[in-house]
Amino acid sequence: MTSPNILVVDDQPKNIKLLQILLKAEGYTVITAANGLEALEQVKACLPDLILLDIQMPKMDGFEVCRQIRADEVTRIIPIVMVTASSDRRDQKKAREAGANDFITKP
């Protein structure tokens, strides 16, 4: 049995490293991307089981990444959890409108 693949997308290397450590300790395979464009490439290449997606990133924000994943017939069912430093309710609403399944605020 293979472990689930989780794509972690964040432009801050320390955030990626922390999530890698925590998720690998639980037996997950972790794939990473540092921006929205890399995220879309990884999604197509790996078809992850779950995406942990930062909102504020260079090149393409998490909202647009989410919209593009949802627009693709092959990737639209992948669960997406937006992970961000923002606790703004408008961002939460915008994330859900973009197609996110859930929203986690970073400490």
Protein backbone atom coordinates (compact mmCIF):
# COMPACT_ATOMS: atom_id res chain seq x y z
CA MET A 1 0.00 0.00 0.00
CA THR A 2 1.41 3.41 -0.93
CA SER A 3 1.19 6.41 1.34
CA PRO A 4 -1.01 9.33 0.28
CA ASN A 5 0.70 12.15 -1.61
CA ILE A 6 0.23 15.63 -0.21
CA LEU A 7 1.24 18.67 -2.23
CA VAL A 8 2.44 21.52 0.01
CA VAL A 9 2.48 24.90 -1.77
CA ASP A 10 4.06 27.88 -0.01
CA ASP A 11 6.56 30.58 -0.99
CA GLN A 12 8.20 30.45 2.46
CA PRO A 13 10.77 27.60 2.69
CA LYS A 14 10.42 27.40 6.49
CA ASN A 15 6.69 26.74 6.17
CA ILE A 16 7.29 23.99 3.62
CA LYS A 17 9.97 22.42 5.82
CA LEU A 18 7.72 22.42 8.89
CA LEU A 19 4.83 20.80 7.04
CA GLN A 20 7.21 18.27 5.45
CA ILE A 21 8.51 17.21 8.87
CA LEU A 22 5.04 16.91 10.38
CA LEU A 23 3.47 15.09 7.44
CA LYS A 24 6.36 12.70 6.80
CA ALA A 25 6.30 11.73 10.48
CA GLU A 26 2.68 10.65 9.94
CA GLY A 27 3.63 8.54 6.92
CA TYR A 28 2.62 10.84 4.07
CA THR A 29 4.63 11.41 0.93
CA VAL A 30 5.20 15.15 0.56
CA ILE A 31 5.55 16.96 -2.75
CA THR A 32 6.37 20.67 -2.69
CA ALA A 33 5.99 23.79 -4.80
CA ALA A 34 7.17 27.33 -4.06
CA ASN A 35 4.62 29.24 -6.16
CA GLY A 36 1.36 28.87 -8.03
CA LEU A 37 2.87 27.95 -11.37
CA GLU A 38 5.00 25.20 -9.81
CA ALA A 39 1.89 23.99 -7.99
CA LEU A 40 -0.03 23.53 -11.23
CA GLU A 41 2.91 21.65 -12.76
CA GLN A 42 3.12 19.33 -9.73
CA VAL A 43 -0.62 18.72 -9.72
CA LYS A 44 -0.50 17.53 -13.33
CA ALA A 45 2.67 15.48 -12.81
CA CYS A 46 1.75 13.82 -9.51
CA LEU A 47 -2.03 14.02 -9.04
CA PRO A 48 -1.76 14.45 -5.26
CA ASP A 49 -4.35 13.10 -2.84
CA LEU A 50 -4.53 16.46 -1.01
CA ILE A 51 -3.25 19.99 -1.61
CA LEU A 52 -2.24 22.37 1.20
CA LEU A 53 -2.22 25.69 -0.62
CA ASP A 54 -0.95 29.08 0.55
CA ILE A 55 -2.92 32.08 -0.69
CA GLN A 56 -0.34 34.85 -1.02
CA MET A 57 2.40 33.73 -3.39
CA PRO A 58 4.40 35.17 -6.27
CA LYS A 59 3.55 34.48 -9.92
CA MET A 60 0.03 33.23 -9.15
CA ASP A 61 -1.96 33.41 -5.93
CA GLY A 62 -3.67 30.45 -4.30
CA PHE A 63 -7.14 31.57 -5.36
CA GLU A 64 -6.19 31.35 -9.05
CA VAL A 65 -4.38 28.04 -8.54
CA CYS A 66 -7.50 26.67 -6.90
CA ARG A 67 -9.74 27.92 -9.72
CA GLN A 68 -7.50 26.32 -12.35
CA ILE A 69 -7.40 22.99 -10.53
CA ARG A 70 -11.19 23.01 -10.26
CA ALA A 71 -11.57 23.88 -13.95
CA ASP A 72 -9.65 20.76 -15.05
CA GLU A 73 -11.74 17.60 -15.35
CA VAL A 74 -8.83 15.42 -14.19
CA THR A 75 -7.91 17.43 -11.07
CA ARG A 76 -11.21 18.95 -9.95
CA ILE A 77 -11.88 16.32 -7.28
CA ILE A 78 -8.56 16.74 -5.43
CA PRO A 79 -9.27 18.17 -1.95
CA ILE A 80 -7.73 21.62 -1.41
CA VAL A 81 -7.11 23.19 1.98
CA MET A 82 -6.06 26.83 1.87
CA VAL A 83 -3.38 27.59 4.47
CA THR A 84 -2.72 31.26 5.11
CA ALA A 85 -1.68 33.85 7.67
CA SER A 86 -4.85 35.84 6.94
CA SER A 87 -7.80 35.42 9.26
CA ASP A 88 -9.93 37.78 7.16
CA ARG A 89 -13.43 36.33 6.61
CA ARG A 90 -13.40 37.77 3.08
CA ASP A 91 -10.39 35.62 2.24
CA GLN A 92 -12.19 32.57 3.62
CA LYS A 93 -15.21 33.36 1.48
CA LYS A 94 -13.03 33.97 -1.58
CA ALA A 95 -11.23 30.65 -0.96
CA ARG A 96 -14.51 28.74 -0.87
CA GLU A 97 -15.73 30.54 -3.99
CA ALA A 98 -12.50 29.52 -5.75
CA GLY A 99 -13.27 25.91 -4.85
CA ALA A 100 -11.32 25.25 -1.65
CA ASN A 101 -12.68 22.52 0.59
CA ASP A 102 -11.43 24.12 3.78
CA PHE A 103 -9.37 26.97 5.20
CA ILE A 104 -6.70 26.88 7.93
CA THR A 105 -5.15 29.99 9.47
CA LYS A 106 -1.43 29.79 10.20
CA PRO A 107 -0.43 30.73 13.73
